[in-house]
Amino acid sequence: MSVATCFPGRGTITEETYLKGKGEGRAEALVDVLEMRGLTVTDEARERITGTTDAETLTAWLA
């Protein structure tokens, strides 16, 4: 009996949901880091950050 894998790159609903959640987590972490460093995150900036689900972009912003 073999087990089929759903990741990576198969474009399944499970994979898309996982990646979306991963991006949302990074976006929230980025906002948290900015606020912990004493920076004011405007509503506009918060929407832009949390509206971004691309993990590479969020990682670059965090760096």
Protein backbone atom coordinates (compact mmCIF):
# COMPACT_ATOMS: atom_id res chain seq x y z
CA MET A 1 0.00 0.00 0.00
CA SER A 2 1.45 3.36 -0.97
CA VAL A 3 0.62 6.81 0.30
CA ALA A 4 0.25 9.60 -2.24
CA THR A 5 1.68 12.96 -1.32
CA CYS A 6 -0.27 16.16 -1.78
CA PHE A 7 2.74 18.49 -1.70
CA PRO A 8 4.54 20.22 -3.27
CA GLY A 9 3.34 21.79 -6.44
CA ARG A 10 0.31 19.69 -7.15
CA GLY A 11 -2.09 22.62 -6.87
CA THR A 12 -4.52 20.76 -4.65
CA ILE A 13 -7.03 22.54 -2.45
CA THR A 14 -5.11 21.27 0.57
CA GLU A 15 -1.86 22.74 -0.70
CA GLU A 16 -3.45 26.07 -1.59
CA THR A 17 -5.08 26.31 1.86
CA TYR A 18 -1.80 25.42 3.57
CA LEU A 19 0.16 28.04 1.63
CA LYS A 20 -2.50 30.69 2.23
CA GLY A 21 -2.38 30.01 5.96
CA LYS A 22 1.38 30.10 5.93
CA GLY A 23 1.34 33.49 4.20
CA GLU A 24 -1.26 34.87 6.60
CA GLY A 25 0.87 33.76 9.55
CA ARG A 26 3.92 35.50 8.13
CA ALA A 27 1.93 38.67 7.47
CA GLU A 28 0.70 38.80 11.05
CA ALA A 29 4.22 38.11 12.33
CA LEU A 30 5.58 40.97 10.23
CA VAL A 31 3.02 43.40 11.66
CA ASP A 32 3.85 42.15 15.18
CA VAL A 33 7.61 42.65 14.65
CA LEU A 34 7.10 46.18 13.35
CA GLU A 35 4.93 47.09 16.33
CA MET A 36 7.33 45.46 18.82
CA ARG A 37 10.10 47.62 17.41
CA GLY A 38 8.04 50.70 18.19
CA LEU A 39 6.90 51.47 14.66
CA THR A 40 3.38 52.62 14.00
CA VAL A 41 1.64 50.42 11.46
CA THR A 42 -1.05 52.43 9.72
CA ASP A 43 -4.31 50.83 8.69
CA GLU A 44 -3.22 51.19 5.06
CA ALA A 45 0.11 49.43 5.72
CA ARG A 46 -1.60 46.71 7.78
CA GLU A 47 -4.04 46.02 4.93
CA ARG A 48 -1.21 45.87 2.39
CA ILE A 49 0.83 43.51 4.54
CA THR A 50 -2.03 41.21 5.56
CA GLY A 51 -3.39 41.26 2.01
CA THR A 52 -0.15 39.77 0.73
CA THR A 53 -0.04 35.98 0.78
CA ASP A 54 3.15 35.49 -1.24
CA ALA A 55 5.57 33.91 1.23
CA GLU A 56 8.68 35.09 -0.64
CA THR A 57 7.53 38.72 -0.59
CA LEU A 58 6.67 38.55 3.10
CA THR A 59 10.02 36.95 3.91
CA ALA A 60 11.83 39.70 2.01
CA TRP A 61 9.88 42.38 3.87
CA LEU A 62 10.62 40.70 7.18
CA ALA A 63 14.34 40.58 6.39
